[in-house]
Amino acid sequence: MSTAWRPIQAGEGALVDDFAGKDPRSGFMQSDFWVRFKLTEGYDATRLVYECEGAMLGCASLLQFNLLREPGFVICPEGPVLPWDDIATVRSALRALVELVKEMPNSLGLRIEPHLPKPLPSVLRNWGDAPTDLTPEDTLILDLAQSEAELLAKAHPKCRYNLHVADRDGIEITASQDISDVHRFYALMLETSGRTGFFVEPLGFFLNLFSTAFDRNAAELFLACHEGKLLAAIFVLYFGRRATYLYGASSSSGRNHMPAYPLHRAAMAQARVRGCIEYDMYGIDAFERRDHLYAGITRFKKQWGGSVHRRIGARDYIFYDRLADLMVERLSGTEETGVV
């Protein structure tokens, strides 16, 4: 039986989203909405399905930053989506995908990042460890099949106490898909960055992301206020089986009211309503090192309980012949002049 990759056809986007969204080894970066967002950021995008005799076996969203038309990697974040337990099928699919990417202009290699647990599977032994991951390698996932009461019973006592403090102090939580709230959120992001040192993308990035997600009902912004003042906010994405806490920000004042705790409680409740069975806290330091950049947020996230997921991270298949040719051209000064 013949198997092959092909571009998705008009009207297949929802079907492919449903396929990818059910796979725990994938995530929102394989969604139609994420592709549309990345188009606004200067990427080219290709969505593919892998099929055998008309039956879908896998899918992949490929992204390539081409704003400057410089040679670089084609990336497949949180993918490709494949039956990873079927080694023969996966090996054939990866070989075919590599050959397809080689036909793309300016491609120096393919970077993939399926959420597979360690150790590295044998089918990826010829793929190198990428110098940077596309998503956090280690994360914490909460089981939303549990009721709120069951989940909180397994949380750290401090988490339950801080929820009580927030309720006692009258923290009000609202969910928003109003693009005007992005400016309020961004002001908090800048304040948080000044306090913690975390990098913050420019405002345009968030405007593109939030507007694309809100237009497709793929996300919500949760706001925590006390006596009319915004104290904290989180941005949560929904895709298939999983809700993902992608961004959070808080004011330096009012922290004693513990606004972050009811924010996540509300987001988890909404995720259940949407049919999600997982809540991804999106990035922790699994080793809980005190000097790690994630030290503070890891302590907060682990108060909720859940299970730690350690993944193989991003893997690279490098087209060494093209890389060598590019190096020779640049060292000899014979390459074509690009956009400056």
C-alpha atoms as a PDB file:
ATOM      1  CA  MET A   1       0.000   0.000   0.000  1.00  0.00           C
ATOM      2  CA  SER A   2       1.313   3.429  -0.958  1.00  0.00           C
ATOM      3  CA  THR A   3       1.793   6.172   1.601  1.00  0.00           C
ATOM      4  CA  ALA A   4       2.586   9.818   0.915  1.00  0.00           C
ATOM      5  CA  TRP A   5       2.501  13.376   2.236  1.00  0.00           C
ATOM      6  CA  ARG A   6       0.205  15.828   0.483  1.00  0.00           C
ATOM      7  CA  PRO A   7      -0.947  19.406   1.124  1.00  0.00           C
ATOM      8  CA  ILE A   8      -4.258  19.704   2.920  1.00  0.00           C
ATOM      9  CA  GLN A   9      -7.148  20.633   0.698  1.00  0.00           C
ATOM     10  CA  ALA A  10      -9.737  23.364   1.109  1.00  0.00           C
ATOM     11  CA  GLY A  11     -12.143  22.485   3.872  1.00  0.00           C
ATOM     12  CA  GLU A  12      -9.812  19.968   5.564  1.00  0.00           C
ATOM     13  CA  GLY A  13      -8.418  22.333   8.206  1.00  0.00           C
ATOM     14  CA  ALA A  14     -10.917  21.379  10.907  1.00  0.00           C
ATOM     15  CA  LEU A  15     -10.419  17.665  10.200  1.00  0.00           C
ATOM     16  CA  VAL A  16      -6.646  17.973  10.543  1.00  0.00           C
ATOM     17  CA  ASP A  17      -7.047  20.055  13.712  1.00  0.00           C
ATOM     18  CA  ASP A  18      -9.250  17.348  15.184  1.00  0.00           C
ATOM     19  CA  PHE A  19      -6.671  14.672  14.327  1.00  0.00           C
ATOM     20  CA  ALA A  20      -3.766  16.614  15.838  1.00  0.00           C
ATOM     21  CA  GLY A  21      -5.755  17.863  18.821  1.00  0.00           C
ATOM     22  CA  LYS A  22      -6.496  14.332  20.017  1.00  0.00           C
ATOM     23  CA  ASP A  23      -2.830  13.325  20.106  1.00  0.00           C
ATOM     24  CA  PRO A  24      -1.102  13.937  23.471  1.00  0.00           C
ATOM     25  CA  ARG A  25       2.256  14.120  21.672  1.00  0.00           C
ATOM     26  CA  SER A  26       1.199  17.220  19.764  1.00  0.00           C
ATOM     27  CA  GLY A  27      -0.162  20.644  20.680  1.00  0.00           C
ATOM     28  CA  PHE A  28      -1.557  24.001  19.603  1.00  0.00           C
ATOM     29  CA  MET A  29       1.403  24.798  17.336  1.00  0.00           C
ATOM     30  CA  GLN A  30       0.043  22.186  14.920  1.00  0.00           C
ATOM     31  CA  SER A  31      -3.292  24.018  14.677  1.00  0.00           C
ATOM     32  CA  ASP A  32      -4.744  26.049  11.838  1.00  0.00           C
ATOM     33  CA  PHE A  33      -4.982  29.096  14.099  1.00  0.00           C
ATOM     34  CA  TRP A  34      -1.251  28.945  14.947  1.00  0.00           C
ATOM     35  CA  VAL A  35      -0.330  28.732  11.269  1.00  0.00           C
ATOM     36  CA  ARG A  36      -2.454  31.794  10.555  1.00  0.00           C
ATOM     37  CA  PHE A  37      -0.775  33.667  13.410  1.00  0.00           C
ATOM     38  CA  LYS A  38       2.719  32.794  12.169  1.00  0.00           C
ATOM     39  CA  LEU A  39       1.796  34.081   8.716  1.00  0.00           C
ATOM     40  CA  THR A  40       1.315  37.511  10.318  1.00  0.00           C
ATOM     41  CA  GLU A  41       4.825  37.203  11.781  1.00  0.00           C
ATOM     42  CA  GLY A  42       6.591  36.767   8.448  1.00  0.00           C
ATOM     43  CA  TYR A  43       6.584  32.980   8.117  1.00  0.00           C
ATOM     44  CA  ASP A  44       5.679  30.789   5.187  1.00  0.00           C
ATOM     45  CA  ALA A  45       3.512  27.837   6.153  1.00  0.00           C
ATOM     46  CA  THR A  46       2.692  24.447   4.686  1.00  0.00           C
ATOM     47  CA  ARG A  47       0.121  22.078   6.180  1.00  0.00           C
ATOM     48  CA  LEU A  48       0.385  18.436   5.162  1.00  0.00           C
ATOM     49  CA  VAL A  49      -1.351  15.143   5.793  1.00  0.00           C
ATOM     50  CA  TYR A  50       0.294  11.732   5.612  1.00  0.00           C
ATOM     51  CA  GLU A  51      -2.060   9.104   4.329  1.00  0.00           C
ATOM     52  CA  CYS A  52      -2.342   5.553   3.096  1.00  0.00           C
ATOM     53  CA  GLU A  53      -5.063   4.705   0.593  1.00  0.00           C
ATOM     54  CA  GLY A  54      -7.042   7.755   1.693  1.00  0.00           C
ATOM     55  CA  ALA A  55      -6.708   7.063   5.449  1.00  0.00           C
ATOM     56  CA  MET A  56      -4.967   9.781   7.485  1.00  0.00           C
ATOM     57  CA  LEU A  57      -1.945   8.441   9.386  1.00  0.00           C
ATOM     58  CA  GLY A  58      -0.372  11.747  10.344  1.00  0.00           C
ATOM     59  CA  CYS A  59      -0.099  15.471   9.725  1.00  0.00           C
ATOM     60  CA  ALA A  60       2.465  18.240   9.927  1.00  0.00           C
ATOM     61  CA  SER A  61       2.481  22.031   9.928  1.00  0.00           C
ATOM     62  CA  LEU A  62       5.784  23.301   8.543  1.00  0.00           C
ATOM     63  CA  LEU A  63       6.971  26.861   9.147  1.00  0.00           C
ATOM     64  CA  GLN A  64       9.838  28.754   7.572  1.00  0.00           C
ATOM     65  CA  PHE A  65      10.797  32.322   8.426  1.00  0.00           C
ATOM     66  CA  ASN A  66      11.143  33.973   5.035  1.00  0.00           C
ATOM     67  CA  LEU A  67      10.755  37.676   5.707  1.00  0.00           C
ATOM     68  CA  LEU A  68      14.386  38.214   4.646  1.00  0.00           C
ATOM     69  CA  ARG A  69      14.548  35.159   2.354  1.00  0.00           C
ATOM     70  CA  GLU A  70      17.657  33.904   4.118  1.00  0.00           C
ATOM     71  CA  PRO A  71      18.596  30.197   4.239  1.00  0.00           C
ATOM     72  CA  GLY A  72      17.416  28.507   7.423  1.00  0.00           C
ATOM     73  CA  PHE A  73      15.576  25.627   9.033  1.00  0.00           C
ATOM     74  CA  VAL A  74      12.060  24.537   8.285  1.00  0.00           C
ATOM     75  CA  ILE A  75      10.435  23.886  11.663  1.00  0.00           C
ATOM     76  CA  CYS A  76       7.635  21.573  12.708  1.00  0.00           C
ATOM     77  CA  PRO A  77       6.744  22.666  16.272  1.00  0.00           C
ATOM     78  CA  GLU A  78       4.922  20.085  18.410  1.00  0.00           C
ATOM     79  CA  GLY A  79       5.029  17.729  15.472  1.00  0.00           C
ATOM     80  CA  PRO A  80       4.920  15.953  13.176  1.00  0.00           C
ATOM     81  CA  VAL A  81       1.836  14.132  14.390  1.00  0.00           C
ATOM     82  CA  LEU A  82       2.510  10.463  13.668  1.00  0.00           C
ATOM     83  CA  PRO A  83       1.749   7.004  15.138  1.00  0.00           C
ATOM     84  CA  TRP A  84       5.056   6.962  17.038  1.00  0.00           C
ATOM     85  CA  ASP A  85       4.532   3.417  18.327  1.00  0.00           C
ATOM     86  CA  ASP A  86       4.533   2.152  14.720  1.00  0.00           C
ATOM     87  CA  ILE A  87       8.247   2.418  13.971  1.00  0.00           C
ATOM     88  CA  ALA A  88       8.023   1.321  10.337  1.00  0.00           C
ATOM     89  CA  THR A  89       5.340   3.883   9.496  1.00  0.00           C
ATOM     90  CA  VAL A  90       7.165   6.663  11.340  1.00  0.00           C
ATOM     91  CA  ARG A  91      10.477   5.877   9.639  1.00  0.00           C
ATOM     92  CA  SER A  92       8.886   6.009   6.201  1.00  0.00           C
ATOM     93  CA  ALA A  93       6.982   9.196   7.035  1.00  0.00           C
ATOM     94  CA  LEU A  94      10.094  10.989   8.313  1.00  0.00           C
ATOM     95  CA  ARG A  95      12.148  10.001   5.272  1.00  0.00           C
ATOM     96  CA  ALA A  96       9.452  11.284   2.959  1.00  0.00           C
ATOM     97  CA  LEU A  97       9.067  14.489   4.972  1.00  0.00           C
ATOM     98  CA  VAL A  98      12.809  15.171   4.808  1.00  0.00           C
ATOM     99  CA  GLU A  99      12.770  14.734   1.036  1.00  0.00           C
ATOM    100  CA  LEU A 100       9.817  17.091   0.744  1.00  0.00           C
ATOM    101  CA  VAL A 101      11.539  19.764   2.858  1.00  0.00           C
ATOM    102  CA  LYS A 102      14.675  19.473   0.702  1.00  0.00           C
ATOM    103  CA  GLU A 103      12.586  20.761  -2.186  1.00  0.00           C
ATOM    104  CA  MET A 104      11.714  23.950  -0.314  1.00  0.00           C
ATOM    105  CA  PRO A 105      13.728  27.055  -1.235  1.00  0.00           C
ATOM    106  CA  ASN A 106      16.404  28.139   1.266  1.00  0.00           C
ATOM    107  CA  SER A 107      15.971  25.092   3.508  1.00  0.00           C
ATOM    108  CA  LEU A 108      19.070  23.981   5.412  1.00  0.00           C
ATOM    109  CA  GLY A 109      17.342  21.292   7.435  1.00  0.00           C
ATOM    110  CA  LEU A 110      14.227  20.206   9.267  1.00  0.00           C
ATOM    111  CA  ARG A 111      13.634  20.778  12.985  1.00  0.00           C
ATOM    112  CA  ILE A 112      10.895  18.710  14.625  1.00  0.00           C
ATOM    113  CA  GLU A 113       9.605  18.538  18.188  1.00  0.00           C
ATOM    114  CA  PRO A 114       7.010  15.839  18.884  1.00  0.00           C
ATOM    115  CA  HIS A 115       6.298  15.608  22.607  1.00  0.00           C
ATOM    116  CA  LEU A 116       7.861  12.203  23.121  1.00  0.00           C
ATOM    117  CA  PRO A 117       9.071  11.121  26.559  1.00  0.00           C
ATOM    118  CA  LYS A 118      12.741  10.413  27.152  1.00  0.00           C
ATOM    119  CA  PRO A 119      14.772   8.386  26.190  1.00  0.00           C
ATOM    120  CA  LEU A 120      15.194   9.228  22.517  1.00  0.00           C
ATOM    121  CA  PRO A 121      13.455   6.646  20.302  1.00  0.00           C
ATOM    122  CA  SER A 122      15.668   4.669  17.919  1.00  0.00           C
ATOM    123  CA  VAL A 123      13.864   6.065  14.873  1.00  0.00           C
ATOM    124  CA  LEU A 124      15.366   9.489  15.683  1.00  0.00           C
ATOM    125  CA  ARG A 125      18.931   8.325  16.315  1.00  0.00           C
ATOM    126  CA  ASN A 126      20.175  10.117  13.175  1.00  0.00           C
ATOM    127  CA  TRP A 127      18.528  13.383  14.228  1.00  0.00           C
ATOM    128  CA  GLY A 128      20.778  15.713  16.200  1.00  0.00           C
ATOM    129  CA  ASP A 129      19.907  17.568  19.382  1.00  0.00           C
ATOM    130  CA  ALA A 130      18.747  21.040  18.328  1.00  0.00           C
ATOM    131  CA  PRO A 131      20.563  23.994  19.932  1.00  0.00           C
ATOM    132  CA  THR A 132      17.224  25.455  21.010  1.00  0.00           C
ATOM    133  CA  ASP A 133      13.811  23.994  21.753  1.00  0.00           C
ATOM    134  CA  LEU A 134      10.593  25.253  20.184  1.00  0.00           C
ATOM    135  CA  THR A 135       8.571  24.646  23.359  1.00  0.00           C
ATOM    136  CA  PRO A 136       9.628  23.965  26.969  1.00  0.00           C
ATOM    137  CA  GLU A 137      11.347  20.593  27.288  1.00  0.00           C
ATOM    138  CA  ASP A 138       9.902  20.011  30.755  1.00  0.00           C
ATOM    139  CA  THR A 139       6.365  20.893  31.731  1.00  0.00           C
ATOM    140  CA  LEU A 140       3.675  20.207  34.327  1.00  0.00           C
ATOM    141  CA  ILE A 141       0.267  18.871  33.277  1.00  0.00           C
ATOM    142  CA  LEU A 142      -2.865  18.724  35.424  1.00  0.00           C
ATOM    143  CA  ASP A 143      -5.547  16.103  34.859  1.00  0.00           C
ATOM    144  CA  LEU A 144      -8.830  17.898  34.179  1.00  0.00           C
ATOM    145  CA  ALA A 145     -10.745  14.628  34.179  1.00  0.00           C
ATOM    146  CA  GLN A 146     -10.754  15.235  37.918  1.00  0.00           C
ATOM    147  CA  SER A 147     -13.304  17.571  39.427  1.00  0.00           C
ATOM    148  CA  GLU A 148     -12.108  20.851  40.897  1.00  0.00           C
ATOM    149  CA  ALA A 149     -12.524  19.405  44.389  1.00  0.00           C
ATOM    150  CA  GLU A 150     -10.468  16.322  43.509  1.00  0.00           C
ATOM    151  CA  LEU A 151      -7.722  18.400  41.913  1.00  0.00           C
ATOM    152  CA  LEU A 152      -7.489  20.803  44.849  1.00  0.00           C
ATOM    153  CA  ALA A 153      -7.414  17.908  47.308  1.00  0.00           C
ATOM    154  CA  LYS A 154      -4.109  16.863  45.689  1.00  0.00           C
ATOM    155  CA  ALA A 155      -2.722  20.402  45.582  1.00  0.00           C
ATOM    156  CA  HIS A 156      -0.285  21.762  48.155  1.00  0.00           C
ATOM    157  CA  PRO A 157      -2.003  23.177  51.262  1.00  0.00           C
ATOM    158  CA  LYS A 158      -0.487  26.573  50.465  1.00  0.00           C
ATOM    159  CA  CYS A 159      -2.338  26.582  47.129  1.00  0.00           C
ATOM    160  CA  ARG A 160      -5.674  25.951  48.847  1.00  0.00           C
ATOM    161  CA  TYR A 161      -4.891  28.590  51.478  1.00  0.00           C
ATOM    162  CA  ASN A 162      -4.011  31.224  48.872  1.00  0.00           C
ATOM    163  CA  LEU A 163      -7.240  30.516  47.002  1.00  0.00           C
ATOM    164  CA  HIS A 164      -9.059  31.147  50.269  1.00  0.00           C
ATOM    165  CA  VAL A 165      -7.181  34.459  50.697  1.00  0.00           C
ATOM    166  CA  ALA A 166      -8.139  35.575  47.182  1.00  0.00           C
ATOM    167  CA  ASP A 167     -11.794  34.658  47.754  1.00  0.00           C
ATOM    168  CA  ARG A 168     -11.839  36.374  51.141  1.00  0.00           C
ATOM    169  CA  ASP A 169     -10.328  39.553  49.698  1.00  0.00           C
ATOM    170  CA  GLY A 170     -12.868  39.717  46.888  1.00  0.00           C
ATOM    171  CA  ILE A 171     -10.696  39.084  43.832  1.00  0.00           C
ATOM    172  CA  GLU A 172     -12.905  39.254  40.760  1.00  0.00           C
ATOM    173  CA  ILE A 173     -12.112  37.146  37.702  1.00  0.00           C
ATOM    174  CA  THR A 174     -13.358  37.897  34.195  1.00  0.00           C
ATOM    175  CA  ALA A 175     -12.682  36.106  30.911  1.00  0.00           C
ATOM    176  CA  SER A 176     -12.163  38.280  27.847  1.00  0.00           C
ATOM    177  CA  GLN A 177     -11.803  37.965  24.083  1.00  0.00           C
ATOM    178  CA  ASP A 178     -11.741  41.735  23.646  1.00  0.00           C
ATOM    179  CA  ILE A 179      -8.645  42.856  21.752  1.00  0.00           C
ATOM    180  CA  SER A 180      -8.639  46.151  23.671  1.00  0.00           C
ATOM    181  CA  ASP A 181      -7.665  44.224  26.803  1.00  0.00           C
ATOM    182  CA  VAL A 182      -4.344  43.324  25.177  1.00  0.00           C
ATOM    183  CA  HIS A 183      -3.034  46.786  26.026  1.00  0.00           C
ATOM    184  CA  ARG A 184      -3.891  46.321  29.704  1.00  0.00           C
ATOM    185  CA  PHE A 185      -2.255  42.901  29.660  1.00  0.00           C
ATOM    186  CA  TYR A 186       0.851  44.225  27.921  1.00  0.00           C
ATOM    187  CA  ALA A 187       1.328  46.942  30.534  1.00  0.00           C
ATOM    188  CA  LEU A 188       1.357  44.198  33.169  1.00  0.00           C
ATOM    189  CA  MET A 189       3.817  42.173  31.060  1.00  0.00           C
ATOM    190  CA  LEU A 190       6.244  45.085  30.993  1.00  0.00           C
ATOM    191  CA  GLU A 191       5.903  45.520  34.736  1.00  0.00           C
ATOM    192  CA  THR A 192       6.516  41.814  35.287  1.00  0.00           C
ATOM    193  CA  SER A 193       9.556  41.863  33.026  1.00  0.00           C
ATOM    194  CA  GLY A 194      11.055  44.743  34.951  1.00  0.00           C
ATOM    195  CA  ARG A 195      10.665  42.756  38.151  1.00  0.00           C
ATOM    196  CA  THR A 196      11.764  39.310  36.954  1.00  0.00           C
ATOM    197  CA  GLY A 197      14.021  39.908  33.966  1.00  0.00           C
ATOM    198  CA  PHE A 198      11.930  37.794  31.589  1.00  0.00           C
ATOM    199  CA  PHE A 199      12.042  38.834  27.931  1.00  0.00           C
ATOM    200  CA  VAL A 200       8.853  40.390  26.538  1.00  0.00           C
ATOM    201  CA  GLU A 201       7.909  40.330  22.858  1.00  0.00           C
ATOM    202  CA  PRO A 202       6.878  43.667  21.271  1.00  0.00           C
ATOM    203  CA  LEU A 203       3.249  44.771  21.488  1.00  0.00           C
ATOM    204  CA  GLY A 204       2.629  43.909  17.823  1.00  0.00           C
ATOM    205  CA  PHE A 205       3.386  40.253  18.535  1.00  0.00           C
ATOM    206  CA  PHE A 206       0.658  40.080  21.168  1.00  0.00           C
ATOM    207  CA  LEU A 207      -1.821  41.999  19.042  1.00  0.00           C
ATOM    208  CA  ASN A 208      -1.310  39.512  16.205  1.00  0.00           C
ATOM    209  CA  LEU A 209      -1.463  36.490  18.497  1.00  0.00           C
ATOM    210  CA  PHE A 210      -4.482  37.555  20.523  1.00  0.00           C
ATOM    211  CA  SER A 211      -6.528  38.787  17.572  1.00  0.00           C
ATOM    212  CA  THR A 212      -5.912  35.578  15.601  1.00  0.00           C
ATOM    213  CA  ALA A 213      -6.756  33.391  18.591  1.00  0.00           C
ATOM    214  CA  PHE A 214      -9.828  35.379  19.626  1.00  0.00           C
ATOM    215  CA  ASP A 215     -11.196  35.423  16.072  1.00  0.00           C
ATOM    216  CA  ARG A 216     -11.147  31.619  16.086  1.00  0.00           C
ATOM    217  CA  ASN A 217     -12.314  31.197  19.694  1.00  0.00           C
ATOM    218  CA  ALA A 218      -9.034  29.426  20.442  1.00  0.00           C
ATOM    219  CA  ALA A 219      -8.041  31.395  23.536  1.00  0.00           C
ATOM    220  CA  GLU A 220      -9.159  33.618  26.390  1.00  0.00           C
ATOM    221  CA  LEU A 221      -7.542  36.266  28.528  1.00  0.00           C
ATOM    222  CA  PHE A 222      -8.379  35.936  32.228  1.00  0.00           C
ATOM    223  CA  LEU A 223      -8.190  39.126  34.292  1.00  0.00           C
ATOM    224  CA  ALA A 224      -7.995  39.386  38.083  1.00  0.00           C
ATOM    225  CA  CYS A 225      -9.125  42.687  39.627  1.00  0.00           C
ATOM    226  CA  HIS A 226      -9.392  43.989  43.174  1.00  0.00           C
ATOM    227  CA  GLU A 227     -11.567  47.041  43.793  1.00  0.00           C
ATOM    228  CA  GLY A 228     -11.416  47.873  40.091  1.00  0.00           C
ATOM    229  CA  LYS A 229      -7.634  47.613  39.738  1.00  0.00           C
ATOM    230  CA  LEU A 230      -6.108  44.976  37.448  1.00  0.00           C
ATOM    231  CA  LEU A 231      -3.648  42.919  39.493  1.00  0.00           C
ATOM    232  CA  ALA A 232      -2.877  39.925  37.280  1.00  0.00           C
ATOM    233  CA  ALA A 233      -3.808  38.252  34.001  1.00  0.00           C
ATOM    234  CA  ILE A 234      -3.157  35.018  32.137  1.00  0.00           C
ATOM    235  CA  PHE A 235      -3.550  34.031  28.480  1.00  0.00           C
ATOM    236  CA  VAL A 236      -4.794  30.469  27.890  1.00  0.00           C
ATOM    237  CA  LEU A 237      -5.000  28.612  24.570  1.00  0.00           C
ATOM    238  CA  TYR A 238      -7.372  25.728  23.821  1.00  0.00           C
ATOM    239  CA  PHE A 239      -6.585  23.017  21.317  1.00  0.00           C
ATOM    240  CA  GLY A 240      -8.128  19.576  21.287  1.00  0.00           C
ATOM    241  CA  ARG A 241      -7.549  17.694  24.511  1.00  0.00           C
ATOM    242  CA  ARG A 242      -5.391  20.396  26.111  1.00  0.00           C
ATOM    243  CA  ALA A 243      -5.596  23.910  27.508  1.00  0.00           C
ATOM    244  CA  THR A 244      -2.224  25.667  27.705  1.00  0.00           C
ATOM    245  CA  TYR A 245      -1.263  28.499  30.022  1.00  0.00           C
ATOM    246  CA  LEU A 246       0.980  30.412  27.643  1.00  0.00           C
ATOM    247  CA  TYR A 247       1.517  33.838  29.242  1.00  0.00           C
ATOM    248  CA  GLY A 248       1.009  35.404  32.636  1.00  0.00           C
ATOM    249  CA  ALA A 249       1.639  38.829  34.145  1.00  0.00           C
ATOM    250  CA  SER A 250       1.086  40.529  37.474  1.00  0.00           C
ATOM    251  CA  SER A 251       1.338  43.897  39.156  1.00  0.00           C
ATOM    252  CA  SER A 252       3.930  44.566  41.819  1.00  0.00           C
ATOM    253  CA  SER A 253       1.138  45.824  44.061  1.00  0.00           C
ATOM    254  CA  GLY A 254      -1.693  43.758  45.489  1.00  0.00           C
ATOM    255  CA  ARG A 255       0.316  40.550  45.513  1.00  0.00           C
ATOM    256  CA  ASN A 256      -0.900  39.867  49.057  1.00  0.00           C
ATOM    257  CA  HIS A 257      -4.371  39.238  47.580  1.00  0.00           C
ATOM    258  CA  MET A 258      -3.021  36.187  45.699  1.00  0.00           C
ATOM    259  CA  PRO A 259      -4.730  36.994  42.364  1.00  0.00           C
ATOM    260  CA  ALA A 260      -2.849  34.370  40.317  1.00  0.00           C
ATOM    261  CA  TYR A 261      -4.533  31.477  42.106  1.00  0.00           C
ATOM    262  CA  PRO A 262      -8.165  32.163  41.192  1.00  0.00           C
ATOM    263  CA  LEU A 263      -7.039  32.999  37.651  1.00  0.00           C
ATOM    264  CA  HIS A 264      -5.877  29.429  37.081  1.00  0.00           C
ATOM    265  CA  ARG A 265      -8.889  27.978  38.871  1.00  0.00           C
ATOM    266  CA  ALA A 266     -11.152  29.909  36.486  1.00  0.00           C
ATOM    267  CA  ALA A 267      -9.112  28.901  33.434  1.00  0.00           C
ATOM    268  CA  MET A 268      -9.268  25.232  34.392  1.00  0.00           C
ATOM    269  CA  ALA A 269     -13.018  25.455  34.892  1.00  0.00           C
ATOM    270  CA  GLN A 270     -13.420  26.994  31.442  1.00  0.00           C
ATOM    271  CA  ALA A 271     -11.128  24.355  29.922  1.00  0.00           C
ATOM    272  CA  ARG A 272     -13.402  21.624  31.304  1.00  0.00           C
ATOM    273  CA  VAL A 273     -16.421  23.343  29.759  1.00  0.00           C
ATOM    274  CA  ARG A 274     -14.610  23.305  26.417  1.00  0.00           C
ATOM    275  CA  GLY A 275     -13.938  19.576  26.724  1.00  0.00           C
ATOM    276  CA  CYS A 276     -10.227  19.718  27.560  1.00  0.00           C
ATOM    277  CA  ILE A 277      -8.841  16.906  29.712  1.00  0.00           C
ATOM    278  CA  GLU A 278      -5.402  18.445  30.356  1.00  0.00           C
ATOM    279  CA  TYR A 279      -4.142  21.788  31.637  1.00  0.00           C
ATOM    280  CA  ASP A 280      -0.549  22.452  30.620  1.00  0.00           C
ATOM    281  CA  MET A 281       1.351  24.813  32.906  1.00  0.00           C
ATOM    282  CA  TYR A 282       3.873  25.206  30.048  1.00  0.00           C
ATOM    283  CA  GLY A 283       7.397  25.156  31.336  1.00  0.00           C
ATOM    284  CA  ILE A 284       9.097  24.290  34.602  1.00  0.00           C
ATOM    285  CA  ASP A 285      12.553  23.405  35.874  1.00  0.00           C
ATOM    286  CA  ALA A 286      12.114  19.697  36.600  1.00  0.00           C
ATOM    287  CA  PHE A 287      15.158  19.756  38.910  1.00  0.00           C
ATOM    288  CA  GLU A 288      13.899  22.741  40.963  1.00  0.00           C
ATOM    289  CA  ARG A 289      17.252  24.528  41.011  1.00  0.00           C
ATOM    290  CA  ARG A 290      17.218  27.689  43.106  1.00  0.00           C
ATOM    291  CA  ASP A 291      19.267  29.684  40.600  1.00  0.00           C
ATOM    292  CA  HIS A 292      17.217  28.661  37.550  1.00  0.00           C
ATOM    293  CA  LEU A 293      15.270  31.339  35.664  1.00  0.00           C
ATOM    294  CA  TYR A 294      12.126  29.256  36.207  1.00  0.00           C
ATOM    295  CA  ALA A 295      12.691  28.785  39.960  1.00  0.00           C
ATOM    296  CA  GLY A 296       9.869  31.040  41.138  1.00  0.00           C
ATOM    297  CA  ILE A 297       7.294  29.982  38.573  1.00  0.00           C
ATOM    298  CA  THR A 298       8.193  26.319  39.113  1.00  0.00           C
ATOM    299  CA  ARG A 299       7.393  26.620  42.821  1.00  0.00           C
ATOM    300  CA  PHE A 300       4.066  28.256  41.996  1.00  0.00           C
ATOM    301  CA  LYS A 301       3.091  25.709  39.350  1.00  0.00           C
ATOM    302  CA  LYS A 302       4.024  22.702  41.466  1.00  0.00           C
ATOM    303  CA  GLN A 303       1.686  23.876  44.215  1.00  0.00           C
ATOM    304  CA  TRP A 304      -1.164  22.702  41.977  1.00  0.00           C
ATOM    305  CA  GLY A 305       0.055  19.106  41.906  1.00  0.00           C
ATOM    306  CA  GLY A 306      -0.057  17.435  38.511  1.00  0.00           C
ATOM    307  CA  SER A 307       2.565  15.332  36.767  1.00  0.00           C
ATOM    308  CA  VAL A 308       5.962  16.371  35.402  1.00  0.00           C
ATOM    309  CA  HIS A 309       6.531  15.570  31.722  1.00  0.00           C
ATOM    310  CA  ARG A 310      10.149  15.404  30.505  1.00  0.00           C
ATOM    311  CA  ARG A 311      10.473  15.350  26.730  1.00  0.00           C
ATOM    312  CA  ILE A 312      13.179  14.691  24.172  1.00  0.00           C
ATOM    313  CA  GLY A 313      13.161  18.302  22.974  1.00  0.00           C
ATOM    314  CA  ALA A 314      13.707  19.536  19.425  1.00  0.00           C
ATOM    315  CA  ARG A 315      15.672  17.396  16.956  1.00  0.00           C
ATOM    316  CA  ASP A 316      17.453  18.507  13.787  1.00  0.00           C
ATOM    317  CA  TYR A 317      17.989  16.785  10.449  1.00  0.00           C
ATOM    318  CA  ILE A 318      20.642  18.949   8.791  1.00  0.00           C
ATOM    319  CA  PHE A 319      21.246  19.106   5.040  1.00  0.00           C
ATOM    320  CA  TYR A 320      25.017  19.149   5.401  1.00  0.00           C
ATOM    321  CA  ASP A 321      25.691  19.463   1.672  1.00  0.00           C
ATOM    322  CA  ARG A 322      23.659  22.667   1.485  1.00  0.00           C
ATOM    323  CA  LEU A 323      25.214  23.998   4.679  1.00  0.00           C
ATOM    324  CA  ALA A 324      28.698  23.358   3.276  1.00  0.00           C
ATOM    325  CA  ASP A 325      27.827  25.055  -0.006  1.00  0.00           C
ATOM    326  CA  LEU A 326      26.484  28.076   1.864  1.00  0.00           C
ATOM    327  CA  MET A 327      29.655  28.349   3.973  1.00  0.00           C
ATOM    328  CA  VAL A 328      31.864  28.156   0.877  1.00  0.00           C
ATOM    329  CA  GLU A 329      29.806  30.835  -0.871  1.00  0.00           C
ATOM    330  CA  ARG A 330      29.954  33.187   2.088  1.00  0.00           C
ATOM    331  CA  LEU A 331      33.645  32.636   2.747  1.00  0.00           C
ATOM    332  CA  SER A 332      34.420  33.249  -0.912  1.00  0.00           C
ATOM    333  CA  GLY A 333      32.062  36.199  -1.164  1.00  0.00           C
ATOM    334  CA  THR A 334      30.195  34.730  -4.126  1.00  0.00           C
ATOM    335  CA  GLU A 335      26.746  34.522  -2.586  1.00  0.00           C
ATOM    336  CA  GLU A 336      23.973  36.669  -3.980  1.00  0.00           C
ATOM    337  CA  THR A 337      23.266  39.860  -2.110  1.00  0.00           C
ATOM    338  CA  GLY A 338      20.104  39.567  -0.043  1.00  0.00           C
ATOM    339  CA  VAL A 339      17.830  42.077   1.608  1.00  0.00           C
ATOM    340  CA  VAL A 340      19.697  44.361   4.020  1.00  0.00           C
END
